[in-house]
N, C-alpha and C. Protein backbone atom coordinates (compact mmCIF):
# COMPACT_ATOMS: atom_id res chain seq x y z
N MET A 1 -26.22 13.36 -0.96
CA MET A 1 -25.43 12.33 -0.41
C MET A 1 -26.29 11.03 -0.40
N GLY A 2 -25.94 10.10 -1.32
CA GLY A 2 -26.79 8.99 -1.42
C GLY A 2 -26.11 7.73 -0.79
N ASN A 3 -24.89 7.79 -0.46
CA ASN A 3 -24.10 6.65 0.09
C ASN A 3 -24.42 6.57 1.57
N THR A 4 -25.09 5.50 2.00
CA THR A 4 -25.43 5.32 3.40
C THR A 4 -24.23 5.28 4.27
N GLU A 5 -23.19 4.61 3.84
CA GLU A 5 -22.03 4.53 4.70
C GLU A 5 -21.37 5.87 4.82
N LEU A 6 -21.37 6.70 3.84
CA LEU A 6 -20.92 8.07 4.01
C LEU A 6 -21.72 8.88 4.96
N GLU A 7 -23.06 8.70 4.86
CA GLU A 7 -23.97 9.42 5.85
C GLU A 7 -23.69 8.96 7.20
N ARG A 8 -23.38 7.69 7.41
CA ARG A 8 -23.02 7.21 8.80
C ARG A 8 -21.74 7.86 9.26
N LEU A 9 -20.75 7.96 8.32
CA LEU A 9 -19.48 8.56 8.73
C LEU A 9 -19.68 10.03 9.11
N VAL A 10 -20.47 10.79 8.42
CA VAL A 10 -20.78 12.15 8.73
C VAL A 10 -21.47 12.25 10.06
N SER A 11 -22.40 11.41 10.31
CA SER A 11 -23.07 11.31 11.62
C SER A 11 -22.05 11.01 12.78
N LEU A 12 -21.13 10.05 12.45
CA LEU A 12 -20.13 9.68 13.46
C LEU A 12 -19.25 10.89 13.77
N GLN A 13 -18.86 11.59 12.73
CA GLN A 13 -18.05 12.79 12.97
C GLN A 13 -18.77 13.86 13.80
N ASP A 14 -20.04 14.04 13.52
CA ASP A 14 -20.86 14.99 14.27
C ASP A 14 -20.92 14.56 15.79
N LEU A 15 -21.10 13.27 16.03
CA LEU A 15 -21.09 12.78 17.39
C LEU A 15 -19.75 12.98 18.04
N ASP A 16 -18.65 12.70 17.33
CA ASP A 16 -17.34 12.94 17.89
C ASP A 16 -17.13 14.42 18.26
N LEU A 17 -17.60 15.25 17.36
CA LEU A 17 -17.40 16.72 17.70
C LEU A 17 -18.25 17.19 18.88
N MET A 18 -19.45 16.63 19.04
CA MET A 18 -20.23 16.96 20.17
C MET A 18 -19.63 16.41 21.47
N ILE A 19 -19.11 15.16 21.39
CA ILE A 19 -18.49 14.60 22.58
C ILE A 19 -17.25 15.39 22.94
N GLU A 20 -16.44 15.79 21.94
CA GLU A 20 -15.21 16.55 22.24
C GLU A 20 -15.63 17.95 22.87
N GLU A 21 -16.64 18.57 22.37
CA GLU A 21 -17.04 19.88 22.87
C GLU A 21 -17.62 19.78 24.29
N SER A 22 -18.36 18.74 24.53
CA SER A 22 -18.92 18.57 25.94
C SER A 22 -17.81 18.29 26.87
N GLU A 23 -16.78 17.54 26.50
CA GLU A 23 -15.62 17.26 27.41
C GLU A 23 -14.84 18.63 27.62
N GLU A 24 -14.72 19.42 26.66
CA GLU A 24 -14.01 20.71 26.89
C GLU A 24 -14.86 21.60 27.82
N VAL A 25 -16.19 21.59 27.74
CA VAL A 25 -17.04 22.37 28.62
C VAL A 25 -16.84 21.84 30.02
N GLU A 26 -16.87 20.57 30.17
CA GLU A 26 -16.64 19.94 31.52
C GLU A 26 -15.34 20.30 32.15
N LYS A 27 -14.29 20.45 31.35
CA LYS A 27 -12.99 20.90 31.84
C LYS A 27 -13.05 22.27 32.39
N LEU A 28 -13.95 23.13 31.94
CA LEU A 28 -14.13 24.46 32.36
C LEU A 28 -14.92 24.49 33.72
N GLY A 29 -15.43 23.34 34.20
CA GLY A 29 -16.14 23.28 35.47
C GLY A 29 -17.62 23.22 35.33
N PHE A 30 -18.16 23.13 34.16
CA PHE A 30 -19.64 23.13 33.98
C PHE A 30 -20.05 21.62 33.88
N SER A 31 -21.23 21.34 34.39
CA SER A 31 -21.72 19.95 34.34
C SER A 31 -22.54 19.82 33.03
N ILE A 32 -22.31 18.72 32.35
CA ILE A 32 -22.99 18.44 31.11
C ILE A 32 -23.71 17.11 31.24
N THR A 33 -24.97 17.08 30.92
CA THR A 33 -25.72 15.80 30.94
C THR A 33 -25.83 15.28 29.49
N GLY A 34 -25.83 14.04 29.37
CA GLY A 34 -26.05 13.44 28.05
C GLY A 34 -24.76 13.04 27.38
N CYS A 35 -23.62 13.30 27.95
CA CYS A 35 -22.36 12.91 27.28
C CYS A 35 -22.23 11.41 27.26
N SER A 36 -22.67 10.69 28.20
CA SER A 36 -22.61 9.26 28.21
C SER A 36 -23.49 8.66 27.06
N GLU A 37 -24.69 9.27 26.86
CA GLU A 37 -25.55 8.80 25.83
C GLU A 37 -24.94 9.09 24.46
N LEU A 38 -24.20 10.16 24.29
CA LEU A 38 -23.52 10.35 23.02
C LEU A 38 -22.50 9.34 22.76
N LYS A 39 -21.77 8.97 23.76
CA LYS A 39 -20.71 7.94 23.62
C LYS A 39 -21.33 6.56 23.24
N VAL A 40 -22.45 6.25 23.89
CA VAL A 40 -23.16 5.00 23.52
C VAL A 40 -23.65 5.05 22.08
N ALA A 41 -24.23 6.19 21.68
CA ALA A 41 -24.69 6.28 20.30
C ALA A 41 -23.55 6.16 19.29
N ARG A 42 -22.44 6.77 19.69
CA ARG A 42 -21.24 6.67 18.88
C ARG A 42 -20.78 5.26 18.69
N GLN A 43 -20.77 4.48 19.76
CA GLN A 43 -20.33 3.00 19.63
C GLN A 43 -21.34 2.26 18.81
N GLU A 44 -22.58 2.47 18.94
CA GLU A 44 -23.59 1.80 18.16
C GLU A 44 -23.44 2.12 16.67
N LEU A 45 -23.23 3.40 16.41
CA LEU A 45 -23.05 3.83 15.00
C LEU A 45 -21.74 3.23 14.39
N ALA A 46 -20.72 3.24 15.19
CA ALA A 46 -19.43 2.68 14.74
C ALA A 46 -19.50 1.27 14.31
N THR A 47 -20.40 0.47 14.95
CA THR A 47 -20.49 -0.96 14.61
C THR A 47 -21.15 -1.10 13.20
N LYS A 48 -21.85 -0.07 12.79
CA LYS A 48 -22.59 -0.19 11.49
C LYS A 48 -21.70 0.22 10.29
N ILE A 49 -20.44 0.70 10.55
CA ILE A 49 -19.54 1.15 9.50
C ILE A 49 -18.45 0.07 9.30
N SER A 50 -18.17 -0.17 8.11
CA SER A 50 -17.20 -1.18 7.72
C SER A 50 -15.84 -0.91 8.44
N LYS A 51 -15.14 -1.96 8.87
CA LYS A 51 -13.90 -1.79 9.64
C LYS A 51 -12.88 -1.00 8.91
N PRO A 52 -12.60 -1.30 7.63
CA PRO A 52 -11.56 -0.49 6.89
C PRO A 52 -11.87 0.98 6.84
N LEU A 53 -13.17 1.29 6.62
CA LEU A 53 -13.61 2.72 6.44
C LEU A 53 -13.52 3.37 7.85
N LEU A 54 -13.92 2.71 8.87
CA LEU A 54 -13.84 3.26 10.23
C LEU A 54 -12.35 3.47 10.59
N PHE A 55 -11.47 2.59 10.21
CA PHE A 55 -10.08 2.73 10.54
C PHE A 55 -9.50 3.93 9.84
N ARG A 56 -9.92 4.10 8.56
CA ARG A 56 -9.45 5.19 7.76
C ARG A 56 -9.96 6.54 8.42
N TYR A 57 -11.23 6.55 8.78
CA TYR A 57 -11.81 7.75 9.46
C TYR A 57 -11.03 7.98 10.76
N GLU A 58 -10.81 7.07 11.58
CA GLU A 58 -10.15 7.24 12.91
C GLU A 58 -8.68 7.71 12.67
N ARG A 59 -8.03 7.24 11.64
CA ARG A 59 -6.62 7.73 11.37
C ARG A 59 -6.67 9.17 10.97
N LEU A 60 -7.60 9.59 10.12
CA LEU A 60 -7.72 10.96 9.66
C LEU A 60 -8.16 11.83 10.84
N ARG A 61 -9.04 11.34 11.63
CA ARG A 61 -9.48 12.11 12.83
C ARG A 61 -8.42 12.32 13.86
N GLY A 62 -7.43 11.45 13.87
CA GLY A 62 -6.28 11.66 14.77
C GLY A 62 -5.45 12.87 14.36
N LYS A 63 -5.43 13.19 13.05
CA LYS A 63 -4.55 14.25 12.49
C LYS A 63 -5.40 15.56 12.36
N LEU A 64 -6.67 15.40 11.97
CA LEU A 64 -7.46 16.59 11.61
C LEU A 64 -8.76 16.60 12.55
N LYS A 65 -9.24 17.80 12.76
CA LYS A 65 -10.42 17.92 13.57
C LYS A 65 -11.63 17.42 12.77
N ARG A 66 -11.66 17.70 11.53
CA ARG A 66 -12.77 17.21 10.61
C ARG A 66 -12.19 16.36 9.54
N ALA A 67 -12.47 15.09 9.64
CA ALA A 67 -11.95 14.10 8.69
C ALA A 67 -12.79 14.04 7.39
N ILE A 68 -14.10 14.46 7.52
CA ILE A 68 -14.96 14.37 6.41
C ILE A 68 -15.48 15.81 6.18
N VAL A 69 -15.32 16.31 4.94
CA VAL A 69 -15.76 17.69 4.67
C VAL A 69 -16.50 17.72 3.39
N PRO A 70 -17.41 18.73 3.26
CA PRO A 70 -18.15 18.87 1.99
C PRO A 70 -17.31 19.52 0.94
N VAL A 71 -17.80 19.33 -0.29
CA VAL A 71 -17.30 19.99 -1.51
C VAL A 71 -18.34 20.87 -2.01
N LYS A 72 -18.04 22.17 -2.21
CA LYS A 72 -19.04 23.14 -2.70
C LYS A 72 -18.34 23.83 -3.84
N ASN A 73 -19.05 23.88 -5.01
CA ASN A 73 -18.48 24.52 -6.13
C ASN A 73 -17.11 23.95 -6.55
N ASP A 74 -16.99 22.64 -6.35
CA ASP A 74 -15.74 21.91 -6.72
C ASP A 74 -14.52 22.31 -5.81
N ILE A 75 -14.83 22.90 -4.63
CA ILE A 75 -13.75 23.27 -3.75
C ILE A 75 -13.89 22.47 -2.42
N CYS A 76 -12.82 21.84 -2.03
CA CYS A 76 -12.82 21.11 -0.73
C CYS A 76 -12.92 22.14 0.41
N LEU A 77 -13.87 21.98 1.31
CA LEU A 77 -14.04 23.00 2.36
C LEU A 77 -13.20 22.61 3.59
N GLY A 78 -12.23 21.69 3.38
CA GLY A 78 -11.20 21.42 4.39
C GLY A 78 -9.96 22.23 4.19
N CYS A 79 -9.49 22.23 2.90
CA CYS A 79 -8.24 22.89 2.54
C CYS A 79 -8.53 24.04 1.55
N PHE A 80 -9.73 24.14 1.04
CA PHE A 80 -10.10 25.23 0.12
C PHE A 80 -9.37 25.19 -1.26
N LEU A 81 -9.00 23.98 -1.66
CA LEU A 81 -8.46 23.88 -2.99
C LEU A 81 -9.49 23.18 -3.95
N ARG A 82 -9.42 23.63 -5.16
CA ARG A 82 -10.37 23.08 -6.17
C ARG A 82 -10.04 21.66 -6.46
N GLN A 83 -11.02 20.84 -6.59
CA GLN A 83 -10.96 19.37 -6.92
C GLN A 83 -10.96 19.22 -8.41
N PRO A 84 -10.35 18.20 -8.86
CA PRO A 84 -10.28 17.91 -10.31
C PRO A 84 -11.68 17.66 -10.83
N THR A 85 -11.97 18.08 -12.04
CA THR A 85 -13.25 17.89 -12.62
C THR A 85 -13.67 16.43 -12.73
N SER A 86 -12.65 15.59 -12.96
CA SER A 86 -12.96 14.18 -13.10
C SER A 86 -13.60 13.55 -11.91
N ILE A 87 -13.13 13.96 -10.69
CA ILE A 87 -13.71 13.38 -9.48
C ILE A 87 -15.01 14.10 -9.09
N SER A 88 -15.06 15.39 -9.43
CA SER A 88 -16.24 16.12 -9.10
C SER A 88 -17.50 15.56 -9.72
N ALA A 89 -17.40 15.17 -10.95
CA ALA A 89 -18.52 14.62 -11.68
C ALA A 89 -18.94 13.33 -11.00
N GLN A 90 -17.97 12.47 -10.71
CA GLN A 90 -18.32 11.14 -10.09
C GLN A 90 -18.73 11.37 -8.68
N GLY A 91 -18.24 12.32 -7.93
CA GLY A 91 -18.57 12.58 -6.56
C GLY A 91 -20.03 13.03 -6.41
N ARG A 92 -20.50 13.75 -7.35
CA ARG A 92 -21.95 14.18 -7.27
C ARG A 92 -22.91 13.07 -7.40
N GLU A 93 -22.46 11.94 -8.01
CA GLU A 93 -23.29 10.76 -8.14
C GLU A 93 -23.47 10.09 -6.72
N GLY A 94 -22.45 10.23 -5.87
CA GLY A 94 -22.60 9.75 -4.52
C GLY A 94 -22.43 8.29 -4.38
N THR A 95 -21.83 7.59 -5.34
CA THR A 95 -21.79 6.14 -5.23
C THR A 95 -20.42 5.65 -4.67
N ASP A 96 -19.33 6.47 -4.88
CA ASP A 96 -18.02 6.11 -4.38
C ASP A 96 -17.56 7.11 -3.39
N LEU A 97 -16.58 6.71 -2.57
CA LEU A 97 -15.97 7.67 -1.62
C LEU A 97 -14.71 8.24 -2.30
N PHE A 98 -14.47 9.53 -2.12
CA PHE A 98 -13.32 10.19 -2.71
C PHE A 98 -12.68 10.97 -1.65
N THR A 99 -11.34 11.05 -1.78
CA THR A 99 -10.54 11.89 -0.79
C THR A 99 -9.91 13.04 -1.52
N CYS A 100 -9.70 14.12 -0.81
CA CYS A 100 -9.02 15.31 -1.39
C CYS A 100 -7.62 14.94 -1.71
N GLU A 101 -7.11 15.31 -2.84
CA GLU A 101 -5.81 14.95 -3.31
C GLU A 101 -4.81 15.82 -2.49
N ASN A 102 -5.21 16.94 -1.90
CA ASN A 102 -4.31 17.88 -1.16
C ASN A 102 -4.24 17.48 0.40
N CYS A 103 -5.47 17.42 0.97
CA CYS A 103 -5.44 17.29 2.49
C CYS A 103 -5.71 15.83 2.90
N GLY A 104 -6.27 15.03 2.01
CA GLY A 104 -6.56 13.62 2.33
C GLY A 104 -7.89 13.38 2.98
N ARG A 105 -8.69 14.45 3.24
CA ARG A 105 -10.01 14.22 3.87
C ARG A 105 -10.97 13.54 2.95
N ILE A 106 -11.89 12.80 3.57
CA ILE A 106 -13.00 12.19 2.82
C ILE A 106 -13.97 13.28 2.40
N LEU A 107 -14.37 13.17 1.14
CA LEU A 107 -15.24 14.26 0.57
C LEU A 107 -16.66 13.84 0.37
N TYR A 108 -17.62 14.76 0.46
CA TYR A 108 -18.97 14.55 -0.04
C TYR A 108 -19.39 15.91 -0.67
N TRP A 109 -20.31 15.76 -1.66
CA TRP A 109 -20.71 16.93 -2.44
C TRP A 109 -22.02 17.55 -1.94
N LEU A 110 -22.08 18.85 -1.84
CA LEU A 110 -23.30 19.51 -1.44
C LEU A 110 -24.23 19.88 -2.58
N ASP A 111 -23.66 20.21 -3.74
CA ASP A 111 -24.49 20.62 -4.84
C ASP A 111 -24.86 19.52 -5.84
């Protein structure tokens, strides 16, 4: 993954998932420390991502738990459908952002 903006998006998603999980644990009656630090880190990271891309991520995140998923062996690990060969070759270069034609998630290549 060479695209720094994509790397920031993946980090943002990781932070969102950690925040969500800590809030679920708090609902069960357990006390969690560090949740406020995660939220601050999320806000700081969000300012480093371009507004259109952040909006696109937030919109996807509203519908799907994971808005950004890896592609392994040309298969989207969000919906498990094979990606066209044309975008797989370009996606491995890591210069552009691609979305799955089936589920709409933002993709990044592992191999």
